[in-house]
Every structure is written in C-alpha cells, then in structure tokens.
Amino acid sequence: MTTLIANTKGDGKAGDEFWTKAETLLYKVLIGYIHYEAPQEEKNFATLLEMINACGVREDDEDYENHVDVLFNELEKRDPNHFAVREY
C-alpha cells in the first residue's frame, strides 16, 4: 500500500497529509471490497486499478454516481454493516 501511494505523489513531492490519508482509506476500502466481494479471478491489482480509475467525480453534478458508487450502494442494500460499506 505504501509503495502504491508513494508512486502517486509525482516528482517525489510530499503531499498534504489529509490527501495521503484519504487515498490510503480509499485503497483499503476498495481492497476490502475486492477481498470480500470479488470473484476469485478478480482478486488482484488489476481489479484495484480498474476500480481506482472508475472513481471519477463530476464537479458540476453533485448527484453523479460513478461505477464504484453504484457497487457500494448495491452492497449497502445487501449488507449495510459490511466492512467496506462502513468505511466507504
């Protein structure tokens, strides 16, 4: 996890600690989702990267839900106390 985060800072610059913590939490939540919910063949870093790439937002549309939002909303309906849902 640390290596993944270190490689997203660009030019080796230290980022704001808030964003580093938010990024760490997002990765943990996505890994939790993959670990508990993904089929065996999708439990890998490729799936993690796909989920990260699908986490887009639209500043002009507060109601926009990306693919990851939809996955977590569906999971919340099935299991509102799921680890990944609570952290998301």
N, C-alpha and C. Protein backbone atom coordinates (compact mmCIF):
# COMPACT_ATOMS: atom_id res chain seq x y z
N MET A 1 0.83 -1.18 0.00
CA MET A 1 0.00 0.00 0.00
C MET A 1 0.87 1.25 0.00
N THR A 2 1.89 1.24 0.84
CA THR A 2 2.78 2.41 0.94
C THR A 2 3.45 2.69 -0.40
N THR A 3 3.88 1.65 -1.08
CA THR A 3 4.54 1.82 -2.38
C THR A 3 3.58 2.40 -3.40
N LEU A 4 2.37 1.93 -3.42
CA LEU A 4 1.36 2.44 -4.34
C LEU A 4 1.13 3.93 -4.11
N ILE A 5 0.98 4.32 -2.89
CA ILE A 5 0.75 5.73 -2.55
C ILE A 5 1.98 6.57 -2.87
N ALA A 6 3.15 6.06 -2.56
CA ALA A 6 4.38 6.80 -2.84
C ALA A 6 4.54 7.08 -4.32
N ASN A 7 4.04 6.20 -5.15
CA ASN A 7 4.17 6.36 -6.59
C ASN A 7 3.07 7.21 -7.21
N THR A 8 2.17 7.74 -6.41
CA THR A 8 1.11 8.60 -6.94
C THR A 8 1.35 10.07 -6.60
N LYS A 9 2.42 10.36 -5.89
CA LYS A 9 2.70 11.74 -5.48
C LYS A 9 3.31 12.57 -6.60
N GLY A 10 4.01 11.96 -7.51
CA GLY A 10 4.62 12.69 -8.61
C GLY A 10 5.85 13.47 -8.17
N ASP A 11 6.92 13.33 -8.88
CA ASP A 11 8.18 14.03 -8.64
C ASP A 11 8.70 13.89 -7.22
N GLY A 12 8.25 12.88 -6.48
CA GLY A 12 8.74 12.63 -5.14
C GLY A 12 8.36 13.68 -4.12
N LYS A 13 7.41 14.53 -4.44
CA LYS A 13 7.00 15.58 -3.52
C LYS A 13 6.05 15.02 -2.47
N ALA A 14 6.22 15.47 -1.27
CA ALA A 14 5.30 15.07 -0.21
C ALA A 14 4.00 15.84 -0.39
N GLY A 15 2.89 15.14 -0.32
CA GLY A 15 1.60 15.79 -0.46
C GLY A 15 1.02 16.17 0.89
N ASP A 16 -0.10 16.82 0.84
CA ASP A 16 -0.83 17.18 2.05
C ASP A 16 -1.23 15.89 2.76
N GLU A 17 -0.99 15.83 4.06
CA GLU A 17 -1.27 14.62 4.83
C GLU A 17 -2.74 14.20 4.73
N PHE A 18 -3.65 15.18 4.65
CA PHE A 18 -5.08 14.87 4.51
C PHE A 18 -5.31 13.99 3.29
N TRP A 19 -4.73 14.37 2.15
CA TRP A 19 -4.95 13.62 0.91
C TRP A 19 -4.29 12.25 0.96
N THR A 20 -3.15 12.17 1.61
CA THR A 20 -2.48 10.87 1.75
C THR A 20 -3.35 9.92 2.57
N LYS A 21 -3.92 10.43 3.66
CA LYS A 21 -4.80 9.60 4.49
C LYS A 21 -6.07 9.22 3.73
N ALA A 22 -6.63 10.16 2.98
CA ALA A 22 -7.84 9.87 2.20
C ALA A 22 -7.56 8.82 1.14
N GLU A 23 -6.40 8.95 0.48
CA GLU A 23 -6.02 7.98 -0.54
C GLU A 23 -5.82 6.60 0.08
N THR A 24 -5.17 6.54 1.23
CA THR A 24 -4.95 5.28 1.93
C THR A 24 -6.28 4.63 2.29
N LEU A 25 -7.20 5.40 2.82
CA LEU A 25 -8.51 4.87 3.19
C LEU A 25 -9.26 4.36 1.97
N LEU A 26 -9.22 5.11 0.87
CA LEU A 26 -9.89 4.67 -0.36
C LEU A 26 -9.33 3.32 -0.81
N TYR A 27 -8.00 3.21 -0.83
CA TYR A 27 -7.40 1.94 -1.26
C TYR A 27 -7.79 0.80 -0.34
N LYS A 28 -7.80 1.04 0.96
CA LYS A 28 -8.19 -0.01 1.90
C LYS A 28 -9.63 -0.45 1.68
N VAL A 29 -10.51 0.50 1.44
CA VAL A 29 -11.92 0.19 1.21
C VAL A 29 -12.08 -0.62 -0.07
N LEU A 30 -11.40 -0.20 -1.13
CA LEU A 30 -11.50 -0.92 -2.39
C LEU A 30 -10.92 -2.32 -2.27
N ILE A 31 -9.81 -2.45 -1.56
CA ILE A 31 -9.21 -3.78 -1.35
C ILE A 31 -10.16 -4.63 -0.51
N GLY A 32 -10.81 -4.04 0.49
CA GLY A 32 -11.79 -4.77 1.29
C GLY A 32 -12.94 -5.27 0.44
N TYR A 33 -13.41 -4.41 -0.46
CA TYR A 33 -14.49 -4.82 -1.36
C TYR A 33 -14.03 -5.98 -2.23
N ILE A 34 -12.86 -5.84 -2.82
CA ILE A 34 -12.32 -6.89 -3.69
C ILE A 34 -12.14 -8.18 -2.90
N HIS A 35 -11.59 -8.10 -1.71
CA HIS A 35 -11.32 -9.29 -0.90
C HIS A 35 -12.61 -10.04 -0.56
N TYR A 36 -13.63 -9.32 -0.14
CA TYR A 36 -14.86 -9.97 0.32
C TYR A 36 -15.90 -10.21 -0.77
N GLU A 37 -15.87 -9.43 -1.84
CA GLU A 37 -16.97 -9.48 -2.80
C GLU A 37 -16.60 -9.95 -4.20
N ALA A 38 -15.37 -9.76 -4.60
CA ALA A 38 -15.00 -10.08 -5.98
C ALA A 38 -14.82 -11.60 -6.15
N PRO A 39 -15.13 -12.09 -7.35
CA PRO A 39 -14.84 -13.50 -7.64
C PRO A 39 -13.32 -13.73 -7.56
N GLN A 40 -12.94 -14.95 -7.31
CA GLN A 40 -11.53 -15.29 -7.11
C GLN A 40 -10.64 -14.75 -8.22
N GLU A 41 -11.08 -14.87 -9.46
CA GLU A 41 -10.24 -14.45 -10.59
C GLU A 41 -10.09 -12.93 -10.69
N GLU A 42 -10.86 -12.18 -9.92
CA GLU A 42 -10.76 -10.72 -9.93
C GLU A 42 -10.07 -10.17 -8.67
N LYS A 43 -9.58 -11.04 -7.83
CA LYS A 43 -8.89 -10.61 -6.61
C LYS A 43 -7.43 -10.34 -6.95
N ASN A 44 -7.18 -9.17 -7.54
CA ASN A 44 -5.84 -8.82 -7.98
C ASN A 44 -5.69 -7.30 -8.12
N PHE A 45 -4.47 -6.86 -8.39
CA PHE A 45 -4.21 -5.43 -8.50
C PHE A 45 -4.84 -4.84 -9.75
N ALA A 46 -5.02 -5.63 -10.78
CA ALA A 46 -5.67 -5.11 -11.99
C ALA A 46 -7.09 -4.64 -11.66
N THR A 47 -7.80 -5.42 -10.85
CA THR A 47 -9.15 -5.02 -10.43
C THR A 47 -9.09 -3.76 -9.59
N LEU A 48 -8.11 -3.69 -8.68
CA LEU A 48 -7.95 -2.49 -7.86
C LEU A 48 -7.73 -1.27 -8.74
N LEU A 49 -6.86 -1.37 -9.72
CA LEU A 49 -6.59 -0.24 -10.61
C LEU A 49 -7.82 0.14 -11.42
N GLU A 50 -8.59 -0.85 -11.86
CA GLU A 50 -9.83 -0.56 -12.58
C GLU A 50 -10.81 0.21 -11.69
N MET A 51 -10.89 -0.20 -10.43
CA MET A 51 -11.80 0.48 -9.51
C MET A 51 -11.32 1.91 -9.23
N ILE A 52 -10.02 2.08 -9.06
CA ILE A 52 -9.48 3.43 -8.84
C ILE A 52 -9.80 4.31 -10.03
N ASN A 53 -9.60 3.79 -11.22
CA ASN A 53 -9.88 4.56 -12.43
C ASN A 53 -11.36 4.88 -12.59
N ALA A 54 -12.21 4.05 -12.01
CA ALA A 54 -13.66 4.26 -12.13
C ALA A 54 -14.20 5.21 -11.07
N CYS A 55 -13.35 5.74 -10.22
CA CYS A 55 -13.78 6.61 -9.12
C CYS A 55 -13.88 8.07 -9.54
N GLY A 56 -14.31 8.31 -10.73
CA GLY A 56 -14.41 9.69 -11.20
C GLY A 56 -15.53 10.46 -10.53
N VAL A 57 -15.37 11.76 -10.51
CA VAL A 57 -16.39 12.66 -9.99
C VAL A 57 -16.68 13.72 -11.04
N ARG A 58 -17.81 14.37 -10.90
CA ARG A 58 -18.17 15.48 -11.78
C ARG A 58 -18.50 16.66 -10.90
N GLU A 59 -17.66 17.66 -10.95
CA GLU A 59 -17.84 18.83 -10.09
C GLU A 59 -19.14 19.56 -10.38
N ASP A 60 -19.64 19.45 -11.60
CA ASP A 60 -20.86 20.16 -11.98
C ASP A 60 -22.13 19.35 -11.72
N ASP A 61 -21.98 18.14 -11.16
CA ASP A 61 -23.14 17.27 -10.91
C ASP A 61 -22.95 16.55 -9.58
N GLU A 62 -23.49 17.12 -8.52
CA GLU A 62 -23.34 16.54 -7.17
C GLU A 62 -24.02 15.19 -7.03
N ASP A 63 -24.99 14.90 -7.88
CA ASP A 63 -25.72 13.64 -7.80
C ASP A 63 -25.11 12.52 -8.64
N TYR A 64 -24.02 12.82 -9.34
CA TYR A 64 -23.37 11.83 -10.19
C TYR A 64 -22.86 10.66 -9.36
N GLU A 65 -23.13 9.45 -9.83
CA GLU A 65 -22.61 8.24 -9.20
C GLU A 65 -21.75 7.50 -10.21
N ASN A 66 -20.50 7.29 -9.85
CA ASN A 66 -19.63 6.51 -10.72
C ASN A 66 -19.89 5.02 -10.49
N HIS A 67 -19.20 4.20 -11.24
CA HIS A 67 -19.40 2.74 -11.15
C HIS A 67 -19.12 2.21 -9.75
N VAL A 68 -18.11 2.75 -9.09
CA VAL A 68 -17.76 2.29 -7.74
C VAL A 68 -18.86 2.69 -6.75
N ASP A 69 -19.40 3.89 -6.89
CA ASP A 69 -20.52 4.31 -6.04
C ASP A 69 -21.69 3.33 -6.18
N VAL A 70 -21.98 2.95 -7.41
CA VAL A 70 -23.08 2.01 -7.67
C VAL A 70 -22.80 0.67 -6.99
N LEU A 71 -21.58 0.16 -7.12
CA LEU A 71 -21.22 -1.11 -6.47
C LEU A 71 -21.43 -1.04 -4.96
N PHE A 72 -20.98 0.06 -4.35
CA PHE A 72 -21.11 0.19 -2.90
C PHE A 72 -22.55 0.41 -2.47
N ASN A 73 -23.34 1.11 -3.28
CA ASN A 73 -24.76 1.28 -2.96
C ASN A 73 -25.49 -0.06 -2.99
N GLU A 74 -25.16 -0.88 -3.98
CA GLU A 74 -25.76 -2.22 -4.07
C GLU A 74 -25.34 -3.08 -2.89
N LEU A 75 -24.07 -3.00 -2.52
CA LEU A 75 -23.57 -3.78 -1.38
C LEU A 75 -24.25 -3.31 -0.09
N GLU A 76 -24.45 -2.02 0.04
CA GLU A 76 -25.10 -1.48 1.24
C GLU A 76 -26.53 -2.00 1.37
N LYS A 77 -27.22 -2.15 0.26
CA LYS A 77 -28.58 -2.70 0.30
C LYS A 77 -28.57 -4.15 0.78
N ARG A 78 -27.55 -4.91 0.35
CA ARG A 78 -27.44 -6.32 0.75
C ARG A 78 -26.91 -6.48 2.16
N ASP A 79 -25.92 -5.65 2.52
CA ASP A 79 -25.24 -5.83 3.80
C ASP A 79 -24.78 -4.46 4.33
N PRO A 80 -25.68 -3.73 4.99
CA PRO A 80 -25.35 -2.38 5.45
C PRO A 80 -24.21 -2.33 6.48
N ASN A 81 -23.90 -3.43 7.12
CA ASN A 81 -22.83 -3.46 8.12
C ASN A 81 -21.51 -4.00 7.57
N HIS A 82 -21.46 -4.20 6.27
CA HIS A 82 -20.25 -4.71 5.62
C HIS A 82 -19.09 -3.75 5.89
N PHE A 83 -17.92 -4.31 6.17
CA PHE A 83 -16.72 -3.50 6.43
C PHE A 83 -16.51 -2.42 5.38
N ALA A 84 -16.55 -2.82 4.13
CA ALA A 84 -16.27 -1.87 3.04
C ALA A 84 -17.32 -0.77 2.98
N VAL A 85 -18.56 -1.11 3.22
CA VAL A 85 -19.65 -0.12 3.21
C VAL A 85 -19.47 0.87 4.35
N ARG A 86 -19.16 0.40 5.51
CA ARG A 86 -18.98 1.29 6.68
C ARG A 86 -17.85 2.28 6.44
N GLU A 87 -16.79 1.84 5.80
CA GLU A 87 -15.64 2.71 5.56
C GLU A 87 -15.81 3.61 4.36
N TYR A 88 -16.64 3.19 3.40
CA TYR A 88 -16.83 3.98 2.18
C TYR A 88 -17.57 5.25 2.48
